[in-house]
Structure formats: structure tokens, C-alpha cells
Protein backbone atom coordinates (compact mmCIF):
# COMPACT_ATOMS: atom_id res chain seq x y z
CA MET A 1 148.46 79.83 103.40
CA ASN A 2 147.06 76.51 105.22
CA PHE A 3 148.29 78.04 108.59
CA ARG A 4 146.87 81.63 108.05
CA ARG A 5 143.31 79.79 107.00
CA ARG A 6 143.01 78.06 110.20
CA PHE A 7 143.95 81.01 112.10
CA LEU A 8 140.88 82.94 110.89
CA VAL A 9 138.72 79.83 110.98
CA VAL A 10 139.04 78.98 114.71
CA PRO A 11 138.05 82.21 116.08
CA ALA A 12 135.10 82.24 114.23
CA VAL A 13 134.21 79.07 115.47
CA LEU A 14 134.62 80.23 118.99
CA LEU A 15 132.52 83.02 118.65
CA ALA A 16 130.13 81.02 117.12
CA ALA A 17 129.83 78.86 120.34
CA ALA A 18 130.40 81.89 122.62
CA THR A 19 127.13 82.99 121.04
CA LEU A 20 125.24 80.02 121.47
CA ALA A 21 125.96 79.42 125.24
CA THR A 22 124.52 83.13 126.09
CA GLN A 23 121.48 82.04 124.37
CA GLN A 24 120.86 79.53 126.91
CA PRO A 25 118.74 80.04 129.66
CA ARG A 26 120.42 81.28 133.10
CA ARG A 27 121.03 78.45 135.20
CA GLY A 28 121.98 78.32 139.22
CA THR A 29 125.76 78.40 140.01
CA PHE A 30 125.55 75.37 142.02
CA PRO A 31 128.93 74.03 142.36
CA HIS A 32 128.92 70.72 141.12
CA ALA A 33 132.43 69.50 140.93
CA ARG A 34 132.97 70.44 144.56
CA HIS A 35 130.05 67.73 145.42
CA ALA A 36 131.48 65.11 143.19
CA LYS A 37 132.19 62.85 145.89
CA LEU A 38 129.07 63.18 147.83
CA PHE A 39 126.54 62.17 144.96
CA PRO A 40 127.16 58.78 142.95
CA THR A 41 123.95 59.47 140.66
CA CYS A 42 122.38 62.28 138.95
CA ALA A 43 119.14 61.02 140.04
CA GLY A 44 120.18 61.53 143.66
CA CYS A 45 118.94 65.11 143.33
CA HIS A 46 117.31 65.35 140.45
CA ALA A 47 114.76 62.48 140.23
CA GLY A 48 111.79 64.22 138.71
CA ILE A 49 114.12 64.65 135.55
CA LEU A 50 113.04 61.18 133.95
CA THR A 51 109.35 61.12 135.71
CA GLY A 52 108.55 64.79 134.66
CA ASP A 53 107.79 65.65 138.21
CA SER A 54 108.81 69.31 138.41
CA ALA A 55 108.83 69.36 142.20
CA GLU A 56 111.74 66.78 142.38
CA MET A 57 113.83 68.12 139.16
CA PHE A 58 115.96 69.76 141.67
CA PRO A 59 116.87 69.46 145.29
CA SER A 60 114.63 71.39 147.65
CA PRO A 61 116.53 73.49 150.50
CA ASP A 62 115.74 71.05 153.17
CA VAL A 63 118.22 68.47 151.39
CA CYS A 64 121.12 71.00 151.35
CA ALA A 65 120.47 71.62 155.20
CA GLN A 66 121.18 68.11 155.91
CA CYS A 67 124.59 68.75 155.26
CA HIS A 68 124.54 72.59 155.53
CA ASN A 69 123.29 72.91 159.14
CA GLY A 70 125.45 75.28 160.35
CA THR A 71 127.27 73.05 162.54
CA ASP A 72 129.02 70.66 160.54
CA VAL A 73 128.93 72.77 157.33
CA ARG A 74 128.07 76.35 156.79
CA ARG A 75 124.63 77.17 156.01
CA VAL A 76 123.84 77.89 152.47
CA ALA A 77 120.65 79.87 150.44
CA TRP A 78 121.00 78.15 147.20
CA SER A 79 117.43 77.44 146.32
CA GLY A 80 117.84 76.15 142.57
CA PRO A 81 117.64 77.84 139.43
CA VAL A 82 114.81 79.88 137.82
CA ARG A 83 113.69 78.33 134.41
CA ALA A 84 112.88 80.83 131.68
CA ALA A 85 109.66 80.97 130.17
CA THR A 86 110.17 79.39 126.70
CA ASN A 87 108.12 77.65 124.05
CA LEU A 88 111.09 74.80 123.12
CA ARG A 89 109.73 71.41 123.33
CA PHE A 90 111.77 69.22 124.90
CA SER A 91 110.92 66.37 127.76
CA HIS A 92 114.00 64.46 129.71
CA ALA A 93 111.55 61.32 129.86
CA GLU A 94 110.64 61.22 126.45
CA HIS A 95 114.10 61.76 125.29
CA ALA A 96 115.66 59.11 127.40
CA ALA A 97 113.19 56.61 126.25
CA THR A 98 113.91 57.22 122.54
CA SER A 99 117.47 57.71 122.89
CA ALA A 100 119.08 54.64 124.20
CA THR A 101 122.05 52.93 123.33
CA ALA A 102 122.55 49.85 120.99
CA ASP A 103 122.29 47.62 123.76
CA GLY A 104 119.25 49.04 125.65
CA ALA A 105 120.95 51.42 128.23
CA ALA A 106 120.16 54.86 128.93
CA VAL A 107 122.00 57.51 127.83
CA GLU A 108 124.38 59.11 130.30
CA CYS A 109 123.45 62.60 131.59
CA ALA A 110 127.00 63.37 130.68
CA SER A 111 126.49 62.93 126.87
CA CYS A 112 124.35 66.28 126.87
CA HIS A 113 125.57 68.00 130.27
CA GLY A 114 129.26 67.56 129.95
CA GLN A 115 131.17 70.43 130.19
CA GLN A 116 132.20 69.49 126.73
CA ALA A 117 129.77 67.24 125.51
CA GLY A 118 130.77 63.87 124.01
CA ARG A 119 134.56 64.49 125.27
CA ASP A 120 134.60 65.72 128.73
CA THR A 121 132.49 63.29 130.66
CA ALA A 122 134.35 63.48 133.95
CA TRP A 123 132.02 63.08 136.80
CA MET A 124 130.39 66.04 137.86
CA HIS A 125 131.94 67.93 135.23
CA ILE A 126 128.51 69.93 134.36
CA ALA A 127 127.43 72.50 132.05
CA GLY A 128 123.88 73.43 130.71
CA ALA A 129 123.29 71.61 127.20
CA GLN A 130 124.62 73.44 124.33
CA PRO A 131 122.86 73.13 120.37
CA GLU A 132 126.11 71.15 119.28
CA ALA A 133 125.02 68.29 121.70
CA CYS A 134 121.97 68.21 120.19
CA ILE A 135 123.48 68.49 116.42
CA ALA A 136 126.07 65.67 117.41
CA CYS A 137 122.72 63.29 117.19
CA HIS A 138 120.34 64.69 115.46
CA GLN A 139 121.03 65.99 111.94
CA HIS A 140 120.23 69.63 111.37
CA ARG A 141 118.99 70.26 108.01
CA ALA A 142 118.34 73.56 108.00
CA SER A 143 120.97 75.92 107.10
CA GLU A 144 120.06 78.58 109.82
CA HIS A 145 117.83 79.13 113.00
CA LEU A 146 115.07 81.14 110.82
CA ALA A 147 115.91 79.34 107.53
CA ALA A 148 112.60 79.04 105.42
CA GLY A 149 113.13 75.02 105.15
CA ALA A 150 113.27 74.71 108.85
CA VAL A 151 110.65 72.48 110.71
CA CYS A 152 110.06 74.50 113.50
CA SER A 153 107.82 71.91 115.56
CA THR A 154 111.05 69.75 115.98
CA CYS A 155 111.95 72.09 118.54
CA HIS A 156 109.38 74.37 119.64
CA GLU A 157 105.47 74.07 120.73
CA PRO A 158 102.59 75.83 119.40
CA LEU A 159 102.26 79.21 120.62
CA ALA A 160 99.10 78.74 122.54
CA ARG A 161 100.61 75.85 124.68
CA ALA A 162 103.52 77.86 125.70
CA THR A 163 101.19 79.99 128.32
CA ALA A 164 104.22 80.94 130.82
CA LEU A 165 105.39 83.40 127.57
CA SER A 166 104.57 87.35 128.05
CA VAL A 167 103.06 89.38 125.62
CA ALA A 168 106.55 91.10 125.39
CA ALA A 169 108.25 88.14 124.78
CA ILE A 170 105.65 87.05 122.31
CA ALA A 171 106.14 90.29 120.46
CA ALA A 172 110.32 89.98 120.76
CA PHE A 173 110.02 86.77 118.61
CA PRO A 174 112.40 87.24 115.61
CA LYS A 175 111.13 87.65 112.18
CA PRO A 176 112.28 85.06 109.83
CA ALA A 177 113.84 86.56 106.37
CA SER A 178 111.01 84.91 104.28
CA HIS A 179 108.45 87.19 105.87
CA GLY A 180 110.37 90.31 104.71
CA ASP A 181 109.86 89.45 100.73
CA PRO A 182 107.62 91.64 99.32
CA ASP A 183 105.82 88.67 98.00
CA TRP A 184 105.36 87.21 101.22
CA LEU A 185 101.74 88.57 101.73
CA ALA A 186 100.81 87.00 98.42
CA ARG A 187 102.16 83.62 98.99
CA HIS A 188 101.62 83.22 102.85
CA ALA A 189 98.57 81.12 103.13
CA PRO A 190 99.26 77.64 104.36
CA LYS A 191 98.55 74.92 101.88
CA ASN A 192 98.13 71.92 104.73
CA ASP A 193 97.89 70.70 107.79
CA ALA A 194 101.76 70.50 108.03
CA GLN A 195 102.44 74.25 107.24
CA ILE A 196 99.49 75.10 109.47
CA ALA A 197 101.14 73.61 112.00
CA GLN A 198 104.32 75.48 111.18
CA CYS A 199 102.63 78.96 111.63
CA ALA A 200 100.94 77.79 115.07
CA ILE A 201 104.59 77.95 116.57
CA CYS A 202 104.63 81.89 116.41
CA HIS A 203 100.90 82.94 115.30
CA ALA A 204 97.53 82.45 116.73
CA ARG A 205 93.90 82.93 115.26
CA GLU A 206 94.31 86.82 116.10
CA SER A 207 97.31 86.83 113.66
CA CYS A 208 95.28 86.37 110.81
CA GLU A 209 92.24 87.99 111.90
CA ARG A 210 94.28 91.30 112.21
CA CYS A 211 94.07 91.85 108.23
CA HIS A 212 91.62 88.82 107.03
CA VAL A 213 88.12 90.37 107.19
CA ASN A 214 86.21 86.95 106.44
CA ALA A 215 89.12 85.06 108.85
CA ASP A 216 85.96 83.09 110.36
CA GLN A 217 85.39 81.47 106.91
CA VAL A 218 88.78 80.48 106.40
CA PRO A 219 89.21 76.95 107.80
CA ALA A 220 93.29 77.20 107.65
CA ILE A 221 92.55 80.25 110.22
CA GLN A 222 89.74 78.25 112.35
CA LYS A 223 92.57 75.78 112.87
CA LEU A 224 94.58 78.01 114.73
CA ALA A 225 94.14 78.27 118.66
CA SER A 226 92.67 81.38 119.88
CA ASP A 227 95.30 83.42 122.31
CA ALA A 228 94.51 86.64 124.29
CA ARG A 229 98.21 87.90 124.09
CA VAL A 230 98.39 87.79 120.41
CA ALA A 231 94.84 89.52 120.45
CA ASP A 232 96.41 92.24 122.63
CA LEU A 233 99.50 92.81 120.01
CA ALA A 234 97.09 92.74 117.26
CA ARG A 235 94.94 95.37 118.56
CA GLU A 236 98.13 97.67 118.58
CA ARG A 237 98.99 96.91 114.99
CA ALA A 238 97.62 98.46 111.34
CA PRO A 239 96.45 95.46 109.23
CA ALA A 240 98.77 95.24 106.11
CA TYR A 241 97.42 94.62 102.38
CA PHE A 242 99.10 94.08 99.06
CA THR A 243 98.22 94.65 95.18
CA PRO A 244 97.10 91.36 93.66
CA ALA A 245 99.17 90.81 90.27
CA SER A 246 95.33 90.63 88.58
CA HIS A 247 94.77 94.39 90.39
CA ARG A 248 97.52 95.98 88.58
CA ASP A 249 96.48 94.90 85.09
CA ALA A 250 95.56 98.55 83.44
CA GLY A 251 92.09 96.98 82.36
CA TRP A 252 91.17 94.90 85.21
CA ALA A 253 88.56 98.03 86.64
CA TYR A 254 86.82 97.18 83.67
CA GLY A 255 86.34 93.73 84.11
CA HIS A 256 87.22 92.72 87.57
CA GLY A 257 82.96 91.76 87.63
CA HIS A 258 84.09 88.98 86.17
CA ASP A 259 86.49 87.62 89.00
CA ALA A 260 84.24 88.87 91.57
CA ARG A 261 81.54 86.56 90.35
CA ALA A 262 83.68 83.18 89.88
CA GLY A 263 85.30 83.97 93.42
CA ALA A 264 83.88 86.28 95.87
CA GLN A 265 85.57 84.52 98.72
CA SER A 266 89.03 85.74 96.91
CA CYS A 267 87.53 89.65 97.29
CA ALA A 268 86.45 88.86 100.78
CA VAL A 269 89.97 88.16 102.30
CA CYS A 270 90.64 92.49 101.81
CA HIS A 271 87.09 93.80 101.17
CA THR A 272 84.06 94.00 103.07
CA GLN A 273 80.49 95.04 101.63
CA SER A 274 81.31 98.97 102.30
CA SER A 275 84.59 98.65 100.38
CA CYS A 276 82.55 97.74 97.27
CA LEU A 277 79.51 100.14 97.72
CA THR A 278 81.97 102.93 97.37
CA CYS A 279 81.50 102.65 93.63
CA HIS A 280 78.71 100.40 92.98
CA ILE A 281 76.11 102.91 94.49
CA GLY A 282 73.64 101.37 92.16
CA SER A 283 71.99 97.89 92.10
CA LEU A 284 74.80 96.84 89.87
CA GLY A 285 76.92 93.76 91.37
CA ARG A 286 74.59 93.69 94.67
CA GLU A 287 74.18 89.72 94.52
CA VAL A 288 78.34 89.38 94.14
CA ILE A 289 78.49 92.13 97.13
CA ALA A 290 75.74 90.59 99.23
CA ARG A 291 78.45 87.54 99.96
CA LEU A 292 81.11 89.64 101.09
CA PRO A 293 81.78 89.94 104.96
CA VAL A 294 79.83 93.02 106.51
CA ALA A 295 82.25 95.18 108.62
CA ARG A 296 81.58 94.77 112.34
CA ALA A 297 83.20 96.70 115.24
CA GLY A 298 86.04 94.83 116.76
CA ARG A 299 87.16 93.49 113.18
CA PRO A 300 89.24 94.99 110.52
CA SER A 301 87.78 97.07 107.99
CA GLY A 302 89.82 95.75 105.19
CA VAL A 303 90.67 98.08 102.33
CA GLN A 304 88.68 101.22 102.24
CA LEU A 305 88.28 103.04 98.99
CA VAL A 306 87.37 106.57 98.48
CA ASP A 307 86.31 108.43 95.66
CA PRO A 308 87.47 111.83 95.42
CA ALA A 309 84.66 113.16 94.14
CA ARG A 310 82.97 112.36 96.95
CA ALA A 311 85.63 112.87 99.08
CA SER A 312 84.98 116.36 99.85
CA PRO A 313 81.14 118.02 100.17
CA SER A 314 82.24 120.63 97.45
CA ALA A 315 83.74 118.31 94.68
CA GLY A 316 81.35 117.91 91.79
CA GLY A 317 81.16 115.52 89.33
CA SER A 318 79.45 112.31 88.58
CA ALA A 319 79.84 109.06 89.88
CA MET A 320 81.27 107.29 86.83
CA ARG A 321 84.56 106.71 88.71
CA PRO A 322 85.19 102.80 89.21
CA PHE A 323 88.11 101.29 91.04
CA ASP A 324 91.54 102.03 89.77
CA ALA A 325 93.74 99.47 90.52
CA SER A 326 96.94 100.71 90.20
CA ALA A 327 96.08 103.56 93.01
CA VAL A 328 96.35 100.66 95.47
CA THR A 329 99.50 100.56 97.85
CA LEU A 330 100.59 98.91 100.89
CA LEU A 331 98.91 100.27 103.53
CA ALA A 332 101.02 100.24 106.50
CA ALA A 333 99.20 102.46 109.02
CA ALA A 334 95.94 102.17 110.53
CA GLY A 335 92.84 104.38 109.16
CA ASP A 336 94.96 104.28 105.45
CA THR A 337 92.75 104.52 102.70
CA VAL A 338 92.85 103.66 98.61
CA ARG A 339 92.18 106.93 96.84
CA LEU A 340 90.74 105.86 93.60
CA LYS A 341 92.02 107.83 90.36
CA LEU A 342 89.52 109.14 87.73
CA VAL A 343 88.79 106.50 85.50
CA HIS A 344 85.73 106.86 83.03
CA MET A 345 83.64 104.25 81.56
CA HIS A 346 82.09 105.99 79.16
CA PRO A 347 83.71 107.37 76.18
CA ALA A 348 84.70 110.72 75.32
CA GLY A 349 81.73 112.81 74.58
CA PHE A 350 79.32 110.37 76.30
CA ALA A 351 77.83 112.89 78.55
CA THR A 352 76.45 114.96 75.58
CA ASN A 353 75.27 112.29 73.73
CA HIS A 354 73.97 109.59 76.22
CA LYS A 355 70.48 110.10 75.53
CA ALA A 356 70.04 107.32 72.77
CA ALA A 357 72.01 105.12 74.84
CA ALA A 358 69.99 105.62 78.16
CA ALA A 359 66.53 105.30 76.20
CA SER A 360 67.78 102.17 74.76
CA GLY A 361 68.12 99.93 78.11
CA GLN A 362 71.27 99.03 76.66
CA PHE A 363 73.63 100.02 79.96
CA ASP A 364 72.16 99.58 83.34
CA CYS A 365 72.59 102.99 84.29
CA GLN A 366 71.31 102.50 87.91
CA GLY A 367 74.23 99.99 88.56
CA CYS A 368 76.70 102.79 88.72
CA HIS A 369 74.39 105.75 89.21
CA GLN A 370 71.86 107.39 91.62
CA PRO A 371 69.46 109.99 90.78
CA ARG A 372 71.28 112.98 91.93
CA ASP A 373 73.88 112.38 89.34
CA CYS A 374 71.51 112.84 86.36
CA THR A 375 69.61 115.87 88.20
CA ALA A 376 73.27 117.47 88.55
CA CYS A 377 72.76 118.34 85.00
CA HIS A 378 69.27 117.62 84.38
CA ASP A 379 67.81 120.27 86.95
CA GLY A 380 67.31 123.07 84.80
CA VAL A 381 69.76 125.42 86.65
CA SER A 382 73.00 123.67 85.53
CA THR A 383 75.76 126.20 85.51
CA ARG A 384 78.44 123.85 83.84
CA GLY A 385 80.26 125.86 80.96
CA ASN A 386 81.60 125.51 77.67
CA PHE A 387 79.08 123.36 76.32
CA HIS A 388 77.85 125.08 73.39
CA PRO A 389 80.57 125.61 70.55
CA GLY A 390 81.49 129.09 69.74
CA ASP A 391 79.05 131.34 68.33
CA PHE A 392 76.30 129.43 69.32
CA MET A 393 73.91 132.28 70.23
CA SER A 394 73.65 133.71 66.69
CA ARG A 395 72.44 130.13 65.55
CA HIS A 396 70.85 128.46 68.63
CA ALA A 397 66.88 129.38 67.11
CA THR A 398 67.52 126.53 64.63
CA ALA A 399 69.16 123.86 66.94
CA ALA A 400 66.30 124.43 69.67
CA TYR A 401 63.39 124.14 67.25
CA ALA A 402 65.05 121.03 65.64
CA GLN A 403 65.49 119.60 69.23
CA GLU A 404 69.04 118.89 68.69
CA GLN A 405 69.31 119.06 72.57
CA ASN A 406 66.98 119.20 75.22
CA CYS A 407 67.45 122.50 76.12
CA SER A 408 65.37 122.46 79.33
CA THR A 409 68.22 119.93 80.56
CA CYS A 410 70.19 122.65 81.67
CA HIS A 411 67.90 125.51 81.31
CA ARG A 412 64.46 126.65 82.40
CA VAL A 413 63.03 127.97 79.14
CA GLU A 414 60.28 129.58 80.73
CA THR A 415 62.87 132.33 82.71
CA PHE A 416 66.20 131.64 81.18
CA CYS A 417 65.20 131.95 77.53
CA ARG A 418 62.37 134.69 78.00
CA SER A 419 64.53 137.02 79.94
CA CYS A 420 66.72 137.25 76.92
CA HIS A 421 64.30 137.31 74.49
CA GLN A 422 62.54 140.12 75.86
CA LYS A 423 65.36 142.26 76.35
CA SER A 424 66.00 141.52 72.68
CA GLY A 425 62.51 142.31 71.82
CA ILE A 426 61.58 139.04 70.43
CA ALA A 427 59.12 137.78 73.34
CA THR A 428 55.54 138.78 73.25
CA THR A 429 54.41 141.08 76.30
CA GLY A 430 51.08 140.22 75.71
CA GLY A 431 49.83 140.34 72.06
CA VAL A 432 49.70 137.10 69.89
CA ARG A 433 51.43 138.08 67.31
CA GLY A 434 54.90 137.62 68.46
CA PRO A 435 57.68 139.90 66.46
CA ALA A 436 59.29 136.57 65.64
CA HIS A 437 56.49 135.77 63.57
CA THR A 438 56.22 138.48 61.66
CA GLY A 439 57.46 137.36 58.29
CA GLN A 440 55.06 133.88 58.11
CA PRO A 441 51.66 135.02 56.85
CA LEU A 442 48.88 133.64 58.76
CA TRP A 443 51.17 131.95 61.41
CA LEU A 444 48.32 132.38 64.32
CA LEU A 445 46.28 129.83 62.08
CA GLN A 446 49.31 127.49 61.55
CA HIS A 447 50.96 127.42 65.09
CA GLY A 448 49.35 124.48 66.23
CA GLN A 449 51.38 122.39 64.58
CA ALA A 450 54.55 123.70 65.63
CA ALA A 451 53.30 123.88 69.13
CA ARG A 452 52.57 120.21 68.94
CA GLN A 453 56.12 119.67 67.87
CA GLY A 454 57.66 121.56 70.40
CA LEU A 455 55.94 123.16 72.96
CA THR A 456 59.08 124.03 74.76
CA SER A 457 60.27 126.00 72.28
CA CYS A 458 57.25 128.40 72.34
CA THR A 459 57.82 128.75 76.08
CA ALA A 460 61.09 130.54 75.20
CA CYS A 461 58.82 133.81 74.16
CA HIS A 462 55.24 132.70 75.32
CA GLN A 463 53.58 132.28 78.98
CA GLN A 464 50.63 130.27 79.50
CA ARG A 465 48.31 133.13 79.35
CA ASP A 466 48.82 133.60 75.89
CA CYS A 467 47.56 130.70 74.90
CA LEU A 468 44.63 130.75 77.32
CA ARG A 469 43.54 133.84 75.27
CA CYS A 470 41.81 131.49 72.87
CA HIS A 471 42.15 127.90 74.14
CA SER A 472 39.90 128.35 77.05
CA ASP A 473 36.42 128.85 78.14
CA LEU A 474 37.59 132.26 79.19
CA GLY A 475 38.91 133.02 75.84
CA LEU A 476 37.91 132.34 72.59
CA HIS A 477 36.64 128.71 73.04
CA VAL A 478 39.16 127.45 70.17
CA ASN A 479 39.58 123.75 70.62
CA PRO A 480 43.22 122.80 70.73
CA HIS A 481 42.78 118.89 71.06
CA GLY A 482 43.36 117.27 67.58
CA PRO A 483 41.43 114.09 66.04
CA ASN A 484 40.68 110.91 67.98
CA PHE A 485 41.29 113.07 71.37
CA ASN A 486 40.24 110.79 74.33
CA PRO A 487 38.72 113.21 77.24
CA GLU A 488 37.64 110.52 79.65
CA SER A 489 41.14 109.06 79.20
CA MET A 490 43.07 112.27 79.90
CA GLY A 491 40.55 113.35 82.78
CA SER A 492 41.07 110.35 84.63
CA LYS A 493 44.50 110.52 84.71
CA ASP A 494 44.45 114.50 86.16
CA LYS A 495 41.48 116.27 86.59
CA GLN A 496 43.23 119.47 87.50
CA MET A 497 45.19 119.87 84.22
CA CYS A 498 41.69 119.94 82.41
CA LEU A 499 40.68 122.90 84.71
CA VAL A 500 43.56 124.72 83.67
CA CYS A 501 41.79 125.89 80.34
CA HIS A 502 38.16 124.54 81.49
CA VAL A 503 35.93 126.81 84.01
CA THR A 504 33.96 123.54 84.89
CA ASP A 505 34.28 119.73 84.57
CA PRO A 506 33.92 119.50 80.72
CA LEU A 507 32.89 115.77 81.13
CA LYS A 508 29.74 116.85 82.60
CA LYS A 509 28.67 119.21 80.41
């Protein structure tokens, strides 16, 4: 059993070592072993390694030509390795100074560059440094390369400093497993400078500006350096948003104003002013909304909400459709919008019984509604059906006279009511004694009180000319004004109204 276990483990170790070897930058194929007797020290050819002089890190072709002159030794065309662009953070000079042996002597190059680091230290048995050589001295606490607990800055420099990396190379950066967690967006904000430095290894300011509409107001984002390469990548990627836990509460839509007033900057991460104004078409919440960013060209528009009642020009209905958080989903493509489900703020039946509430001032109607929401019904030409109960026509006269509802809200009584009353023989066509009043003795002498109580009911059968036959200078001069009538006050408001009945200005008589 033990033999079999060793047999299975050894190939796995070899495979891991081979994989790490293939991840190293490709190096030149200089035959170090064949030159072992010619170079007593590494610094003879690599003098710039410890000084940081990039021109002296590898021998120039002129140095090779001193021997390979074509006469003594054949000419060669070796010109040194081509170093691949990387954001690895390593300095031979700093490393040599900080990794001296206990007696102060410099660490031998073969300690890291031997073909088998730490074991094969034969002269000029040289190979590229492998991760095993680093781990032999440096304790590696992360369980894997992209583990959540790894300190990236140990081996990597910030992306903004790795100027040699191409846009394609940055786009190919591996994605840590933690970033794929469904709740990652909700908790990814760095809490201190150390975490900001961790983000800066792979990200720049434009990474955050892709989604954060208030990026210029977030100190953590402003601490990240700007990078044109990341800006190019961000322009091709759509913003991604998530549904906060608070927004998933069924009652959040009705009480979100409290959260907004307490922390508008939290809202400003995802929402611009235009987002809120989808529902807040009146004055309600304007002070809080004014603290949100304004959508600008070249910046993310944030989560944009669409009211289905206004999404289509033919859609009817009122504006009583506040934000429904359950409709928010993770946005994955540019231009995606969140469509709101219909959530009514008022109780059932409020549309037909809102008169008292509107008159009392208990509600700030203008906070959610515009005049068009009222005129959709209160214009006298409403086409809404099923408003009245069954058989209402047979008993509507009493309801109209008692003003249970304002008929003119939906009907133009001068035309709608009269046209039906004329067909049924009720409306007057010229005389002052209409058929509806034949059962009431002396009605003509008593009709003033009824007219003052509800003139709208009169217009269902009568026209203005019927009144003017008696109540005008051209008629019987019957005074329709009650006691304590103030003609000067009324005339000062609208003189034309007086002239309807009076041929000349009555105040000048």
C-alpha cells in the first residue's frame, strides 16, 4: 500500500514542477556548461545584475566577438534573452542585499539559478529560477496563487507601474475564485490602505469608474492610479450591478426614503438623479435626489429604472408606480434597464374616494403626481368603464343631485347628460317648465335654492339661455343674487362674467 501511494504521488509532483517551469519567461539558449572553463564569475558577463544597469545585465555581441571572431572560433549571433513584459516585483540588487548569509557573505547565484536549486550547485549548471527556490527561503502562506489570503504585493507591483504590459495581457489576467462569488460585489469595497494596495495590483481607477457613478467622490477609488489601458478595457465592458439585501425586503419600496435621507452617498454608488426621477416626478424627495450625481457623457449611467406605464406611449394609467426592488436583477449587458412591477401606494378603491384625502393635505400629491395624472380622469371626457355599479342609470338622478360623486369629473354634463335627457324627453328645449319638474307645484319660484345647491345638475337639462330669459337685462330682470351680495368685489374679479346677464356695466348705473 505504501509503495502504491508513493508511486501515485511522485508523478503528481513532477507534473506540478513541469507546469511551473512552463510558466517562467522564455530565456535564451546560451550554453553555460560549454563555457564553464572560460568565466570564473557570473559578474564577468552579468555585471549589471547587482547594480541595476539593464545595459550590463547580459553580454553584448561585441563581447562574444572577442572569441567568436570567425578565425579562432566560429561567429555566433546570440544577443541575449528577450524579457517578457510582466508585473512581477523583483530586484536582484535588493534581493542580494537582504538575503546575505549569516556571516555577511552574498548569496551565491547558483542558490537560485542552479539547475536544481539548493542541490546541484556545480559551476555553470545554470537554469532559470523556479518558484521552489523562492519557497525554500520565503515561507509561502497562501494555499494557492490566487487564494483570498494571498498578499499580491509580495511578488507583484501595481498595475499602473507595469507600463510594459499590453492591453491584451491585462485582459488575460486570471480571475481569483473569490471574485466569482455571488456576493462578491456586495462586499468587494476595500476597508483600508492595505486592501486598496491589493486591488491596485490588477486594477486602476477606471476599473471602478465602470460601475460607480460617484467614483469621483469615493476616496478609496481616487487613491487608485489612472491607467489608459484599463480605460480601453472598461469602455468595452458593461457595468454590473447587484440587488442589495435591503432592497429585497418586500416593504422596502415604501420606506426607502428614510434610507435615502440617511445615506444618499450609498444610493449614489448605483443611481444618478435620472434614475430616481423615473418615479419621483413631483417634488417629493427632491432635496435628497439633488445630492446624487448627474449622469454625464463618458460616465456610467447607473441603474436606470423604467416605469412600464410610461415605457409605451399608448400605455395608460397613473404614476402610482414606485420602485419595486424585487424587479432588480444583475445587469450583464450595456443598456439593460430595470423594469418596475406595478406597486400601488394607495389602498384599493382610493382612486374613486381620494377627494377628501386630496383636499385635506394629508398627502403630498405633487410628490408623486403631475397634473396629467389628474386630467387623465378629471377632464370631462374619461373613457374609463365599469366605474358605476350595475343598474346605476335607473337611480343616477338621486346620486347626481346629492353630489355623491362629481359627475363633471368624467362627464361634460352640458353635452353628455343633456343629449340623453333630450332623447328621453326630460330636458327642456325652450320652455322654463321642464317635464322633470311638473310634479312639483310652484317649482319655478323655488328653483333658486336648488340651483345654488347644485347648478351642475341643472345644466344636465338646461342651457344658459333658459336662465337668461328671466335673469338678465334682456329678460324679466329677476335678480338672481342672494342677500349680502357684493357686486364691487365680484366685478373686480371678472367684469366679463357680469356682462353675461347685464347689457352694460351694472356698477355704473
